[in-house]
Amino acid sequence: MKSGRRAGTRESRSRDCLCRLGLGRKAAGFTLVELLVVLSIIALLVSILLASLKKAREQAKNTACTANRVWTAPTHAIRS
């Protein structure tokens, strides 16, 4: 019986240590606060991305317009 008590004692000690470390319990899932924080971070990143894409699109449009003006200017000068 002594060996049985020792094994049980060792087992309960290891369980106790694991619980203190947070490793012995099963994860119940995410809390509402954690989900809201993750969603807000994702929304913030998307808004930053959309703003930078808008700027890039405007720059590309301006570059295309400038390139068109440069190519069309000599043809107008020749025709005139």
Protein backbone atom coordinates (compact mmCIF):
# COMPACT_ATOMS: atom_id res chain seq x y z
CA MET A 1 0.00 0.00 0.00
CA LYS A 2 2.89 2.31 0.58
CA SER A 3 3.88 2.12 -3.07
CA GLY A 4 0.30 3.01 -4.07
CA ARG A 5 0.32 6.08 -1.85
CA ARG A 6 3.65 7.23 -3.18
CA ALA A 7 2.49 6.91 -6.78
CA GLY A 8 -0.68 8.80 -5.97
CA THR A 9 1.26 11.48 -4.19
CA ARG A 10 3.65 11.88 -7.09
CA GLU A 11 0.74 12.02 -9.49
CA SER A 12 -1.09 14.65 -7.49
CA ARG A 13 2.09 16.71 -7.18
CA SER A 14 2.66 16.62 -10.92
CA ARG A 15 -0.96 17.53 -11.56
CA ASP A 16 -0.63 20.38 -9.08
CA CYS A 17 2.51 21.69 -10.82
CA LEU A 18 0.88 21.46 -14.24
CA CYS A 19 -2.15 23.37 -13.03
CA ARG A 20 0.03 26.13 -11.63
CA LEU A 21 1.73 26.43 -14.99
CA GLY A 22 -1.60 26.38 -16.82
CA LEU A 23 -0.74 23.20 -18.69
CA GLY A 24 -3.00 20.73 -16.92
CA ARG A 25 -6.33 22.29 -17.79
CA LYS A 26 -8.13 22.17 -21.09
CA ALA A 27 -8.59 25.40 -23.00
CA ALA A 28 -12.23 26.42 -23.02
CA GLY A 29 -11.87 28.70 -26.05
CA PHE A 30 -11.53 32.41 -26.63
CA THR A 31 -13.26 35.00 -24.50
CA LEU A 32 -15.39 37.72 -26.00
CA VAL A 33 -12.82 40.37 -25.12
CA GLU A 34 -10.05 38.45 -26.91
CA LEU A 35 -12.20 38.09 -30.03
CA LEU A 36 -13.09 41.79 -30.01
CA VAL A 37 -9.44 42.78 -29.66
CA VAL A 38 -8.44 40.57 -32.58
CA LEU A 39 -11.27 41.93 -34.73
CA SER A 40 -10.35 45.53 -33.92
CA ILE A 41 -6.70 44.90 -34.82
CA ILE A 42 -7.75 43.33 -38.12
CA ALA A 43 -10.06 46.27 -38.88
CA LEU A 44 -7.25 48.71 -38.15
CA LEU A 45 -4.84 46.88 -40.45
CA VAL A 46 -7.43 46.74 -43.25
CA SER A 47 -8.09 50.48 -42.98
CA ILE A 48 -4.36 51.22 -43.19
CA LEU A 49 -4.05 48.93 -46.20
CA LEU A 50 -6.99 50.52 -48.01
CA ALA A 51 -5.63 54.02 -47.42
CA SER A 52 -2.23 53.09 -48.83
CA LEU A 53 -3.84 51.37 -51.83
CA LYS A 54 -5.87 54.49 -52.53
CA LYS A 55 -2.73 56.61 -52.54
CA ALA A 56 -0.96 54.14 -54.82
CA ARG A 57 -3.92 54.12 -57.21
CA GLU A 58 -3.92 57.93 -57.38
CA GLN A 59 -0.18 57.98 -58.02
CA ALA A 60 -0.54 55.43 -60.81
CA LYS A 61 -3.32 57.47 -62.39
CA ASN A 62 -1.19 60.65 -62.24
CA THR A 63 1.78 58.83 -63.70
CA ALA A 64 -0.32 57.45 -66.55
CA CYS A 65 -1.75 60.90 -67.30
CA THR A 66 1.73 62.42 -67.30
CA ALA A 67 3.02 59.70 -69.60
CA ASN A 68 0.11 60.26 -71.99
CA ARG A 69 0.79 64.00 -72.08
CA VAL A 70 4.46 63.43 -72.85
CA TRP A 71 3.66 61.07 -75.73
CA THR A 72 0.89 63.17 -77.21
CA ALA A 73 2.70 66.52 -77.01
CA PRO A 74 5.21 65.85 -79.85
CA THR A 75 2.49 64.65 -82.22
CA HIS A 76 0.49 67.83 -81.68
CA ALA A 77 3.59 69.91 -82.28
CA ILE A 78 4.31 68.12 -85.55
CA ARG A 79 0.74 68.49 -86.83
CA SER A 80 0.57 72.18 -86.03
